[in-house]
């Protein structure tokens, strides 16, 4: 039977599991990650792991949601608290997100490995998948509204798709060159911002 832990102990174990999970996600991917190894790294038994998370997939979903919340927090901080016009805040906020993703390679892997993404969501309860999709849509809509983006001019779905495309720059650092990849991303992002806020490129 899993050992009982005091609240502070549970917090430490939980945080350790999350950090070890990120490392394992980057090193092995979701499918090849071993729960026993995760538990060992956190100093707990495999049975205790399952007292924290009902499945390996729900554990990785927790990591994803924590990271998305952190990125959202950075975005909203720029939008709500930094100066500049909406176009400048749009660019600055997404540069913050770019930096966060760039320093978490496992996020890049998830974005680009269709098999990994499909595996995770196939193994999750349907209600969890639906909750995640609705949350993503609501976050995008909130971000656009705070910046005063007119969705009748450019649809939110189109903007989201364009942004996903921009983040694929991270996959091609070698081709673009590591020295210039940050500047390239910002240049492309500024071009998208002009199209959204000024209508540049309209027929």
N, C-alpha and C. Protein backbone atom coordinates (compact mmCIF):
# COMPACT_ATOMS: atom_id res chain seq x y z
N UNK A 1 0.85 -1.20 0.00
CA UNK A 1 0.00 0.00 0.00
C UNK A 1 0.89 1.25 0.00
N UNK A 2 0.57 2.25 -0.86
CA UNK A 2 1.41 3.46 -0.92
C UNK A 2 1.53 4.15 0.43
N UNK A 3 2.72 4.63 0.69
CA UNK A 3 3.01 5.33 1.94
C UNK A 3 2.23 6.64 2.00
N UNK A 4 1.86 7.04 3.21
CA UNK A 4 1.20 8.33 3.41
C UNK A 4 2.27 9.41 3.51
N UNK A 5 2.02 10.51 2.80
CA UNK A 5 2.97 11.63 2.82
C UNK A 5 2.29 12.88 3.35
N UNK A 6 3.06 13.65 4.10
CA UNK A 6 2.58 14.95 4.55
C UNK A 6 2.48 15.89 3.34
N UNK A 7 1.65 16.96 3.47
CA UNK A 7 1.46 17.87 2.33
C UNK A 7 2.77 18.40 1.73
N UNK A 8 3.73 18.77 2.59
CA UNK A 8 5.00 19.29 2.08
C UNK A 8 5.76 18.21 1.32
N UNK A 9 5.72 16.96 1.83
CA UNK A 9 6.39 15.86 1.14
C UNK A 9 5.75 15.61 -0.22
N UNK A 10 4.42 15.65 -0.25
CA UNK A 10 3.71 15.43 -1.51
C UNK A 10 4.08 16.51 -2.53
N UNK A 11 4.21 17.73 -2.06
CA UNK A 11 4.57 18.83 -2.97
C UNK A 11 5.96 18.61 -3.57
N UNK A 12 6.89 18.20 -2.72
CA UNK A 12 8.26 17.95 -3.19
C UNK A 12 8.28 16.80 -4.21
N UNK A 13 7.57 15.71 -3.87
CA UNK A 13 7.52 14.56 -4.78
C UNK A 13 6.88 14.94 -6.10
N UNK A 14 5.78 15.67 -6.02
CA UNK A 14 5.06 16.10 -7.22
C UNK A 14 5.97 16.93 -8.12
N UNK A 15 6.64 17.92 -7.55
CA UNK A 15 7.53 18.78 -8.34
C UNK A 15 8.69 18.00 -8.94
N UNK A 16 9.23 17.04 -8.17
CA UNK A 16 10.31 16.21 -8.68
C UNK A 16 9.84 15.36 -9.85
N UNK A 17 8.65 14.78 -9.72
CA UNK A 17 8.10 13.98 -10.81
C UNK A 17 7.91 14.81 -12.07
N UNK A 18 7.41 16.03 -11.92
CA UNK A 18 7.18 16.90 -13.09
C UNK A 18 8.50 17.19 -13.79
N UNK A 19 9.53 17.53 -13.03
CA UNK A 19 10.83 17.85 -13.64
C UNK A 19 11.46 16.61 -14.29
N UNK A 20 11.35 15.47 -13.62
CA UNK A 20 11.89 14.24 -14.20
C UNK A 20 11.10 13.84 -15.44
N UNK A 21 9.81 14.13 -15.42
CA UNK A 21 8.97 13.82 -16.57
C UNK A 21 9.37 14.63 -17.79
N UNK A 22 9.70 15.89 -17.60
CA UNK A 22 10.16 16.73 -18.72
C UNK A 22 11.44 16.17 -19.33
N UNK A 23 12.37 15.77 -18.45
CA UNK A 23 13.63 15.20 -18.93
C UNK A 23 13.39 13.91 -19.71
N UNK A 24 12.52 13.08 -19.18
CA UNK A 24 12.25 11.80 -19.82
C UNK A 24 11.51 11.99 -21.14
N UNK A 25 10.59 12.97 -21.18
CA UNK A 25 9.86 13.27 -22.40
C UNK A 25 10.83 13.66 -23.50
N UNK A 26 11.81 14.49 -23.14
CA UNK A 26 12.80 14.93 -24.12
C UNK A 26 13.71 13.77 -24.55
N UNK A 27 14.10 12.94 -23.59
CA UNK A 27 15.08 11.90 -23.87
C UNK A 27 14.48 10.68 -24.57
N UNK A 28 13.29 10.27 -24.11
CA UNK A 28 12.72 9.02 -24.60
C UNK A 28 11.38 9.17 -25.33
N UNK A 29 10.68 10.27 -25.07
CA UNK A 29 9.32 10.37 -25.58
C UNK A 29 8.35 9.71 -24.61
N UNK A 30 7.06 9.88 -24.85
CA UNK A 30 6.05 9.36 -23.92
C UNK A 30 6.02 7.85 -23.92
N UNK A 31 6.00 7.26 -25.11
CA UNK A 31 5.82 5.80 -25.21
C UNK A 31 6.93 5.01 -24.55
N UNK A 32 8.16 5.52 -24.65
CA UNK A 32 9.30 4.76 -24.14
C UNK A 32 9.68 5.14 -22.71
N UNK A 33 8.94 6.07 -22.12
CA UNK A 33 9.21 6.44 -20.73
C UNK A 33 8.70 5.34 -19.80
N UNK A 34 9.52 4.99 -18.84
CA UNK A 34 9.21 3.93 -17.90
C UNK A 34 8.77 4.54 -16.56
N UNK A 35 7.57 4.19 -16.10
CA UNK A 35 7.03 4.72 -14.85
C UNK A 35 7.93 4.34 -13.67
N UNK A 36 8.47 3.15 -13.70
CA UNK A 36 9.34 2.70 -12.61
C UNK A 36 10.56 3.61 -12.47
N UNK A 37 11.12 4.02 -13.61
CA UNK A 37 12.28 4.92 -13.58
C UNK A 37 11.90 6.30 -13.06
N UNK A 38 10.73 6.79 -13.45
CA UNK A 38 10.25 8.08 -12.95
C UNK A 38 10.09 8.03 -11.43
N UNK A 39 9.48 6.96 -10.95
CA UNK A 39 9.26 6.80 -9.51
C UNK A 39 10.59 6.74 -8.76
N UNK A 40 11.54 6.00 -9.31
CA UNK A 40 12.86 5.87 -8.69
C UNK A 40 13.54 7.23 -8.58
N UNK A 41 13.43 8.04 -9.64
CA UNK A 41 14.06 9.36 -9.65
C UNK A 41 13.46 10.27 -8.58
N UNK A 42 12.18 10.05 -8.26
CA UNK A 42 11.50 10.86 -7.25
C UNK A 42 11.61 10.25 -5.85
N UNK A 43 12.26 9.09 -5.75
CA UNK A 43 12.44 8.45 -4.44
C UNK A 43 11.18 7.81 -3.91
N UNK A 44 10.33 7.34 -4.82
CA UNK A 44 9.08 6.70 -4.40
C UNK A 44 8.94 5.37 -5.13
N UNK A 45 7.94 4.60 -4.72
CA UNK A 45 7.66 3.34 -5.39
C UNK A 45 6.75 3.56 -6.59
N UNK A 46 6.70 2.55 -7.45
CA UNK A 46 5.82 2.62 -8.62
C UNK A 46 4.36 2.75 -8.18
N UNK A 47 4.01 2.03 -7.12
CA UNK A 47 2.64 2.11 -6.60
C UNK A 47 2.30 3.51 -6.12
N UNK A 48 3.27 4.17 -5.49
CA UNK A 48 3.05 5.54 -5.01
C UNK A 48 2.85 6.50 -6.18
N UNK A 49 3.59 6.25 -7.27
CA UNK A 49 3.40 7.09 -8.48
C UNK A 49 1.93 7.10 -8.86
N UNK A 50 1.31 5.93 -8.85
CA UNK A 50 -0.08 5.83 -9.27
C UNK A 50 -1.06 6.40 -8.25
N UNK A 51 -0.56 6.72 -7.06
CA UNK A 51 -1.42 7.44 -6.11
C UNK A 51 -1.42 8.94 -6.42
N UNK A 52 -0.42 9.37 -7.20
CA UNK A 52 -0.36 10.77 -7.66
C UNK A 52 -1.06 10.92 -9.01
N UNK A 53 -0.85 9.97 -9.89
CA UNK A 53 -1.40 10.03 -11.25
C UNK A 53 -1.97 8.67 -11.62
N UNK A 54 -3.16 8.67 -12.17
CA UNK A 54 -3.83 7.41 -12.49
C UNK A 54 -3.20 6.68 -13.66
N UNK A 55 -2.49 7.41 -14.52
CA UNK A 55 -1.83 6.78 -15.66
C UNK A 55 -0.63 7.61 -16.08
N UNK A 56 0.24 6.98 -16.84
CA UNK A 56 1.41 7.68 -17.38
C UNK A 56 0.97 8.82 -18.30
N UNK A 57 -0.09 8.58 -19.08
CA UNK A 57 -0.55 9.59 -20.04
C UNK A 57 -1.15 10.80 -19.33
N UNK A 58 -1.88 10.56 -18.25
CA UNK A 58 -2.42 11.69 -17.47
C UNK A 58 -1.30 12.47 -16.81
N UNK A 59 -0.24 11.78 -16.44
CA UNK A 59 0.94 12.45 -15.89
C UNK A 59 1.55 13.39 -16.92
N UNK A 60 1.74 12.91 -18.15
CA UNK A 60 2.32 13.76 -19.18
C UNK A 60 1.38 14.88 -19.59
N UNK A 61 0.09 14.62 -19.53
CA UNK A 61 -0.87 15.68 -19.81
C UNK A 61 -0.78 16.78 -18.76
N UNK A 62 -0.52 16.39 -17.53
CA UNK A 62 -0.33 17.36 -16.45
C UNK A 62 0.88 18.25 -16.74
N UNK A 63 1.96 17.64 -17.20
CA UNK A 63 3.15 18.41 -17.56
C UNK A 63 2.83 19.41 -18.66
N UNK A 64 2.11 18.93 -19.68
CA UNK A 64 1.74 19.81 -20.80
C UNK A 64 0.90 20.98 -20.33
N UNK A 65 -0.09 20.71 -19.49
CA UNK A 65 -0.98 21.77 -19.03
C UNK A 65 -0.27 22.78 -18.13
N UNK A 66 0.65 22.29 -17.30
CA UNK A 66 1.44 23.21 -16.47
C UNK A 66 2.26 24.14 -17.35
N UNK A 67 2.91 23.58 -18.36
CA UNK A 67 3.75 24.39 -19.25
C UNK A 67 2.91 25.38 -20.05
N UNK A 68 1.76 24.94 -20.52
CA UNK A 68 0.88 25.85 -21.25
C UNK A 68 0.40 26.99 -20.36
N UNK A 69 0.12 26.69 -19.10
CA UNK A 69 -0.31 27.73 -18.17
C UNK A 69 0.80 28.75 -17.94
N UNK A 70 2.04 28.27 -17.87
CA UNK A 70 3.18 29.17 -17.69
C UNK A 70 3.35 30.08 -18.91
N UNK A 71 3.22 29.49 -20.10
CA UNK A 71 3.33 30.28 -21.33
C UNK A 71 2.20 31.29 -21.41
N UNK A 72 0.99 30.85 -21.07
CA UNK A 72 -0.16 31.77 -21.07
C UNK A 72 0.08 32.92 -20.10
N UNK A 73 0.65 32.62 -18.93
CA UNK A 73 0.93 33.67 -17.96
C UNK A 73 1.89 34.71 -18.51
N UNK A 74 2.91 34.26 -19.23
CA UNK A 74 3.86 35.20 -19.84
C UNK A 74 3.18 36.04 -20.92
N UNK A 75 2.36 35.40 -21.72
CA UNK A 75 1.64 36.12 -22.76
C UNK A 75 0.76 37.21 -22.17
N UNK A 76 -0.01 36.83 -21.17
CA UNK A 76 -0.95 37.77 -20.58
C UNK A 76 -0.24 38.90 -19.84
N UNK A 77 0.91 38.60 -19.25
CA UNK A 77 1.68 39.64 -18.57
C UNK A 77 2.10 40.72 -19.55
N UNK A 78 2.55 40.30 -20.73
CA UNK A 78 2.95 41.27 -21.75
C UNK A 78 1.75 42.06 -22.24
N UNK A 79 0.66 41.34 -22.53
CA UNK A 79 -0.53 41.99 -23.08
C UNK A 79 -1.12 43.00 -22.10
N UNK A 80 -1.15 42.64 -20.83
CA UNK A 80 -1.84 43.48 -19.84
C UNK A 80 -0.95 44.53 -19.18
N UNK A 81 0.35 44.24 -19.08
CA UNK A 81 1.20 45.11 -18.25
C UNK A 81 2.30 45.84 -19.00
N UNK A 82 2.65 45.42 -20.18
CA UNK A 82 3.71 46.10 -20.90
C UNK A 82 3.14 47.18 -21.82
N UNK A 83 3.99 48.17 -22.10
CA UNK A 83 3.55 49.28 -22.93
C UNK A 83 3.57 48.91 -24.40
N UNK A 84 3.25 49.91 -25.24
CA UNK A 84 3.23 49.69 -26.67
C UNK A 84 1.82 49.52 -27.20
N UNK A 85 1.70 49.64 -28.50
CA UNK A 85 0.39 49.45 -29.11
C UNK A 85 0.07 47.96 -29.23
N UNK A 86 -1.16 47.60 -29.58
CA UNK A 86 -1.53 46.17 -29.63
C UNK A 86 -0.64 45.34 -30.54
N UNK A 87 -0.21 45.91 -31.66
CA UNK A 87 0.66 45.15 -32.56
C UNK A 87 2.00 44.83 -31.91
N UNK A 88 2.57 45.81 -31.21
CA UNK A 88 3.85 45.58 -30.52
C UNK A 88 3.70 44.57 -29.39
N UNK A 89 2.59 44.65 -28.67
CA UNK A 89 2.38 43.70 -27.57
C UNK A 89 2.14 42.29 -28.10
N UNK A 90 1.48 42.18 -29.24
CA UNK A 90 1.28 40.89 -29.90
C UNK A 90 2.63 40.25 -30.21
N UNK A 91 3.52 41.02 -30.81
CA UNK A 91 4.85 40.51 -31.16
C UNK A 91 5.65 40.16 -29.90
N UNK A 92 5.66 41.06 -28.94
CA UNK A 92 6.44 40.83 -27.71
C UNK A 92 5.94 39.62 -26.93
N UNK A 93 4.60 39.47 -26.86
CA UNK A 93 4.02 38.35 -26.13
C UNK A 93 4.41 37.03 -26.77
N UNK A 94 4.35 36.97 -28.08
CA UNK A 94 4.66 35.71 -28.76
C UNK A 94 6.16 35.43 -28.81
N UNK A 95 6.96 36.47 -28.72
CA UNK A 95 8.41 36.25 -28.57
C UNK A 95 8.71 35.63 -27.21
N UNK A 96 7.93 36.00 -26.19
CA UNK A 96 8.07 35.37 -24.88
C UNK A 96 7.73 33.88 -24.97
N UNK A 97 6.63 33.57 -25.67
CA UNK A 97 6.22 32.17 -25.84
C UNK A 97 7.29 31.40 -26.61
N UNK A 98 7.83 32.02 -27.64
CA UNK A 98 8.89 31.41 -28.44
C UNK A 98 10.09 31.04 -27.55
N UNK A 99 10.49 31.99 -26.70
CA UNK A 99 11.61 31.73 -25.81
C UNK A 99 11.34 30.58 -24.86
N UNK A 100 10.12 30.52 -24.34
CA UNK A 100 9.75 29.45 -23.41
C UNK A 100 9.80 28.09 -24.10
N UNK A 101 9.24 28.02 -25.29
CA UNK A 101 9.22 26.75 -26.03
C UNK A 101 10.63 26.35 -26.44
N UNK A 102 11.43 27.31 -26.87
CA UNK A 102 12.79 27.02 -27.31
C UNK A 102 13.62 26.40 -26.19
N UNK A 103 13.36 26.81 -24.95
CA UNK A 103 14.12 26.29 -23.83
C UNK A 103 13.50 25.02 -23.22
N UNK A 104 12.46 24.51 -23.87
CA UNK A 104 11.83 23.25 -23.46
C UNK A 104 11.69 22.37 -24.70
N UNK A 105 12.78 21.72 -25.12
CA UNK A 105 12.76 20.97 -26.38
C UNK A 105 11.68 19.90 -26.46
N UNK A 106 11.24 19.36 -25.31
CA UNK A 106 10.20 18.34 -25.35
C UNK A 106 8.90 18.91 -25.90
N UNK A 107 8.67 20.23 -25.70
CA UNK A 107 7.48 20.88 -26.28
C UNK A 107 7.58 20.90 -27.80
N UNK A 108 8.78 21.16 -28.31
CA UNK A 108 8.98 21.14 -29.76
C UNK A 108 8.71 19.75 -30.30
N UNK A 109 9.20 18.73 -29.58
CA UNK A 109 8.96 17.35 -30.01
C UNK A 109 7.48 17.04 -30.10
N UNK A 110 6.72 17.48 -29.10
CA UNK A 110 5.29 17.20 -29.10
C UNK A 110 4.60 17.91 -30.26
N UNK A 111 5.00 19.15 -30.53
CA UNK A 111 4.39 19.94 -31.60
C UNK A 111 4.63 19.31 -32.97
N UNK A 112 5.75 18.61 -33.12
CA UNK A 112 6.16 18.17 -34.45
C UNK A 112 6.05 16.67 -34.69
N UNK A 113 5.98 15.90 -33.62
CA UNK A 113 5.89 14.46 -33.76
C UNK A 113 4.42 14.05 -33.71
N UNK A 114 3.84 13.84 -34.87
CA UNK A 114 2.41 13.51 -34.93
C UNK A 114 2.10 12.22 -34.20
N UNK A 115 3.04 11.26 -34.26
CA UNK A 115 2.81 10.01 -33.58
C UNK A 115 2.75 10.17 -32.07
N UNK A 116 3.63 11.01 -31.53
CA UNK A 116 3.68 11.26 -30.10
C UNK A 116 2.39 11.95 -29.64
N UNK A 117 2.00 12.96 -30.39
CA UNK A 117 0.79 13.73 -30.05
C UNK A 117 -0.44 12.83 -30.12
N UNK A 118 -0.54 12.04 -31.19
CA UNK A 118 -1.69 11.16 -31.37
C UNK A 118 -1.74 10.10 -30.27
N UNK A 119 -0.57 9.56 -29.92
CA UNK A 119 -0.51 8.54 -28.87
C UNK A 119 -1.03 9.08 -27.55
N UNK A 120 -0.56 10.27 -27.18
CA UNK A 120 -0.97 10.86 -25.91
C UNK A 120 -2.48 11.03 -25.85
N UNK A 121 -3.05 11.64 -26.88
CA UNK A 121 -4.48 11.94 -26.84
C UNK A 121 -5.34 10.71 -27.05
N UNK A 122 -4.80 9.70 -27.71
CA UNK A 122 -5.55 8.44 -27.88
C UNK A 122 -5.69 7.70 -26.56
N UNK A 123 -4.69 7.88 -25.69
CA UNK A 123 -4.68 7.16 -24.42
C UNK A 123 -5.41 7.90 -23.30
N UNK A 124 -5.78 9.15 -23.54
CA UNK A 124 -6.45 9.94 -22.51
C UNK A 124 -7.95 9.69 -22.52
N UNK A 125 -8.63 9.86 -21.37
CA UNK A 125 -10.09 9.79 -21.37
C UNK A 125 -10.67 10.86 -22.29
N UNK A 126 -11.75 10.55 -22.98
CA UNK A 126 -12.32 11.47 -23.96
C UNK A 126 -12.67 12.82 -23.34
N UNK A 127 -13.19 12.80 -22.11
CA UNK A 127 -13.58 14.06 -21.48
C UNK A 127 -12.36 14.96 -21.24
N UNK A 128 -11.20 14.33 -20.98
CA UNK A 128 -9.97 15.10 -20.77
C UNK A 128 -9.52 15.74 -22.08
N UNK A 129 -9.63 15.02 -23.17
CA UNK A 129 -9.27 15.55 -24.48
C UNK A 129 -10.16 16.73 -24.84
N UNK A 130 -11.46 16.55 -24.64
CA UNK A 130 -12.42 17.61 -24.97
C UNK A 130 -12.17 18.86 -24.11
N UNK A 131 -11.87 18.64 -22.84
CA UNK A 131 -11.58 19.75 -21.93
C UNK A 131 -10.36 20.52 -22.41
N UNK A 132 -9.35 19.80 -22.87
CA UNK A 132 -8.12 20.44 -23.35
C UNK A 132 -8.37 21.26 -24.61
N UNK A 133 -9.13 20.71 -25.54
CA UNK A 133 -9.43 21.41 -26.80
C UNK A 133 -10.21 22.68 -26.54
N UNK A 134 -11.24 22.58 -25.69
CA UNK A 134 -12.04 23.76 -25.35
C UNK A 134 -11.18 24.82 -24.68
N UNK A 135 -10.29 24.39 -23.79
CA UNK A 135 -9.41 25.32 -23.09
C UNK A 135 -8.48 26.05 -24.05
N UNK A 136 -7.93 25.34 -25.03
CA UNK A 136 -7.05 25.96 -26.02
C UNK A 136 -7.80 27.01 -26.82
N UNK A 137 -9.00 26.66 -27.26
CA UNK A 137 -9.80 27.60 -28.05
C UNK A 137 -10.13 28.85 -27.24
N UNK A 138 -10.47 28.66 -25.98
CA UNK A 138 -10.82 29.80 -25.12
C UNK A 138 -9.61 30.69 -24.87
N UNK A 139 -8.44 30.08 -24.67
CA UNK A 139 -7.22 30.87 -24.45
C UNK A 139 -6.88 31.72 -25.66
N UNK A 140 -6.99 31.13 -26.84
CA UNK A 140 -6.71 31.86 -28.08
C UNK A 140 -7.67 33.02 -28.24
N UNK A 141 -8.94 32.75 -28.00
CA UNK A 141 -9.96 33.79 -28.13
C UNK A 141 -9.72 34.92 -27.14
N UNK A 142 -9.35 34.57 -25.90
CA UNK A 142 -9.09 35.58 -24.87
C UNK A 142 -7.91 36.45 -25.26
N UNK A 143 -6.85 35.83 -25.76
CA UNK A 143 -5.66 36.55 -26.18
C UNK A 143 -5.98 37.55 -27.28
N UNK A 144 -6.75 37.10 -28.27
CA UNK A 144 -7.11 37.96 -29.39
C UNK A 144 -7.99 39.13 -28.96
N UNK A 145 -8.94 38.84 -28.08
CA UNK A 145 -9.85 39.90 -27.62
C UNK A 145 -9.11 40.97 -26.83
N UNK A 146 -8.18 40.55 -25.97
CA UNK A 146 -7.43 41.51 -25.17
C UNK A 146 -6.61 42.46 -26.04
N UNK A 147 -6.20 41.96 -27.20
CA UNK A 147 -5.43 42.79 -28.12
C UNK A 147 -6.31 43.56 -29.10
N UNK A 148 -7.62 43.33 -29.02
CA UNK A 148 -8.53 44.04 -29.89
C UNK A 148 -8.47 43.59 -31.34
N UNK A 149 -8.11 42.32 -31.55
CA UNK A 149 -8.04 41.79 -32.91
C UNK A 149 -9.43 41.49 -33.42
N UNK A 150 -9.76 42.02 -34.56
CA UNK A 150 -11.08 41.85 -35.17
C UNK A 150 -11.12 40.52 -35.91
N UNK A 151 -11.84 39.55 -35.32
CA UNK A 151 -11.88 38.22 -35.93
C UNK A 151 -12.65 38.19 -37.24
N UNK A 152 -13.40 39.24 -37.52
CA UNK A 152 -14.10 39.30 -38.81
C UNK A 152 -13.12 39.66 -39.93
N UNK A 153 -11.98 40.26 -39.52
CA UNK A 153 -10.96 40.64 -40.50
C UNK A 153 -10.02 39.45 -40.76
N UNK A 154 -9.55 38.84 -39.69
CA UNK A 154 -8.73 37.63 -39.78
C UNK A 154 -9.25 36.66 -38.73
N UNK A 155 -9.70 35.49 -39.13
CA UNK A 155 -10.28 34.54 -38.19
C UNK A 155 -9.24 34.03 -37.19
N UNK A 156 -9.71 33.82 -35.95
CA UNK A 156 -8.83 33.31 -34.91
C UNK A 156 -8.17 31.99 -35.31
N UNK A 157 -8.95 31.12 -35.99
CA UNK A 157 -8.41 29.82 -36.40
C UNK A 157 -7.26 29.99 -37.38
N UNK A 158 -7.39 30.99 -38.27
CA UNK A 158 -6.33 31.25 -39.24
C UNK A 158 -5.07 31.76 -38.55
N UNK A 159 -5.27 32.65 -37.57
CA UNK A 159 -4.13 33.18 -36.82
C UNK A 159 -3.43 32.05 -36.07
N UNK A 160 -4.21 31.18 -35.43
CA UNK A 160 -3.63 30.07 -34.68
C UNK A 160 -2.82 29.15 -35.60
N UNK A 161 -3.37 28.87 -36.77
CA UNK A 161 -2.67 28.01 -37.73
C UNK A 161 -1.38 28.67 -38.20
N UNK A 162 -1.43 29.98 -38.45
CA UNK A 162 -0.23 30.71 -38.89
C UNK A 162 0.84 30.69 -37.81
N UNK A 163 0.43 30.84 -36.56
CA UNK A 163 1.40 30.82 -35.46
C UNK A 163 2.03 29.44 -35.31
N UNK A 164 1.23 28.38 -35.46
CA UNK A 164 1.80 27.03 -35.40
C UNK A 164 2.86 26.85 -36.48
N UNK A 165 2.54 27.40 -37.67
CA UNK A 165 3.50 27.32 -38.76
C UNK A 165 4.79 28.04 -38.43
N UNK A 166 4.69 29.22 -37.79
CA UNK A 166 5.88 29.97 -37.44
C UNK A 166 6.77 29.21 -36.46
N UNK A 167 6.14 28.51 -35.52
CA UNK A 167 6.93 27.81 -34.51
C UNK A 167 7.71 26.63 -35.10
N UNK A 168 7.37 26.22 -36.32
CA UNK A 168 8.14 25.16 -36.96
C UNK A 168 9.54 25.63 -37.33
N UNK A 169 9.77 26.94 -37.27
CA UNK A 169 11.13 27.47 -37.47
C UNK A 169 12.10 26.82 -36.48
N UNK A 170 11.59 26.51 -35.28
CA UNK A 170 12.43 25.90 -34.26
C UNK A 170 13.00 24.55 -34.70
N UNK A 171 12.32 23.89 -35.63
CA UNK A 171 12.77 22.58 -36.10
C UNK A 171 13.92 22.68 -37.10
N UNK A 172 14.12 23.87 -37.60
CA UNK A 172 15.07 24.02 -38.70
C UNK A 172 16.19 25.00 -38.35
N UNK A 173 16.65 24.93 -37.10
CA UNK A 173 17.73 25.82 -36.67
C UNK A 173 18.98 25.63 -37.52
N UNK A 174 19.27 24.39 -37.87
CA UNK A 174 20.48 24.13 -38.65
C UNK A 174 20.38 24.75 -40.03
N UNK A 175 19.22 24.58 -40.68
CA UNK A 175 19.04 25.12 -42.03
C UNK A 175 18.99 26.65 -42.00
N UNK A 176 18.30 27.20 -41.02
CA UNK A 176 18.18 28.65 -40.92
C UNK A 176 19.48 29.25 -40.41
N UNK A 177 20.12 28.53 -39.51
CA UNK A 177 21.34 28.87 -38.77
C UNK A 177 20.96 29.35 -37.38
N UNK A 178 21.59 28.72 -36.38
CA UNK A 178 21.29 29.05 -34.99
C UNK A 178 21.54 30.52 -34.69
N UNK A 179 22.49 31.08 -35.41
CA UNK A 179 22.84 32.48 -35.19
C UNK A 179 21.69 33.42 -35.56
N UNK A 180 20.88 33.02 -36.55
CA UNK A 180 19.86 33.92 -37.07
C UNK A 180 18.42 33.49 -36.77
N UNK A 181 18.24 32.30 -36.19
CA UNK A 181 16.89 31.76 -36.07
C UNK A 181 15.96 32.67 -35.26
N UNK A 182 16.45 33.28 -34.19
CA UNK A 182 15.61 34.16 -33.38
C UNK A 182 15.15 35.37 -34.18
N UNK A 183 16.09 35.94 -34.95
CA UNK A 183 15.76 37.11 -35.76
C UNK A 183 14.79 36.75 -36.88
N UNK A 184 14.97 35.55 -37.44
CA UNK A 184 14.07 35.09 -38.50
C UNK A 184 12.65 34.92 -37.96
N UNK A 185 12.53 34.30 -36.79
CA UNK A 185 11.21 34.11 -36.19
C UNK A 185 10.54 35.46 -35.95
N UNK A 186 11.29 36.40 -35.39
CA UNK A 186 10.71 37.72 -35.10
C UNK A 186 10.31 38.44 -36.37
N UNK A 187 11.12 38.32 -37.41
CA UNK A 187 10.79 38.97 -38.69
C UNK A 187 9.48 38.41 -39.27
N UNK A 188 9.35 37.10 -39.25
CA UNK A 188 8.13 36.47 -39.75
C UNK A 188 6.93 36.85 -38.88
N UNK A 189 7.14 36.90 -37.58
CA UNK A 189 6.07 37.27 -36.66
C UNK A 189 5.63 38.71 -36.89
N UNK A 190 6.57 39.60 -37.12
CA UNK A 190 6.22 41.00 -37.39
C UNK A 190 5.44 41.13 -38.69
N UNK A 191 5.78 40.30 -39.69
CA UNK A 191 5.02 40.30 -40.93
C UNK A 191 3.59 39.85 -40.71
N UNK A 192 3.40 38.81 -39.89
CA UNK A 192 2.05 38.35 -39.56
C UNK A 192 1.29 39.42 -38.81
N UNK A 193 1.96 40.09 -37.87
CA UNK A 193 1.32 41.15 -37.08
C UNK A 193 0.85 42.29 -37.99
N UNK A 194 1.64 42.65 -38.97
CA UNK A 194 1.23 43.71 -39.91
C UNK A 194 -0.02 43.30 -40.67
N UNK A 195 -0.05 42.04 -41.08
CA UNK A 195 -1.22 41.54 -41.81
C UNK A 195 -2.48 41.57 -40.95
N UNK A 196 -2.31 41.22 -39.68
CA UNK A 196 -3.46 41.15 -38.78
C UNK A 196 -3.95 42.54 -38.39
N UNK A 197 -3.03 43.40 -37.99
CA UNK A 197 -3.43 44.69 -37.42
C UNK A 197 -3.61 45.82 -38.45
N UNK A 198 -2.89 45.69 -39.56
CA UNK A 198 -2.98 46.76 -40.55
C UNK A 198 -3.67 46.34 -41.84
N UNK A 199 -3.89 45.03 -41.95
CA UNK A 199 -4.51 44.54 -43.18
C UNK A 199 -3.56 44.53 -44.35
N UNK A 200 -2.24 44.62 -44.08
CA UNK A 200 -1.26 44.60 -45.17
C UNK A 200 -1.41 43.30 -45.94
N UNK A 201 -1.46 43.40 -47.25
CA UNK A 201 -1.55 42.21 -48.08
C UNK A 201 -2.97 41.91 -48.48
N UNK A 202 -3.97 42.71 -48.02
CA UNK A 202 -5.34 42.50 -48.45
C UNK A 202 -5.46 42.70 -49.95
N UNK A 203 -6.34 41.94 -50.58
CA UNK A 203 -6.59 42.16 -52.00
C UNK A 203 -7.39 43.44 -52.20
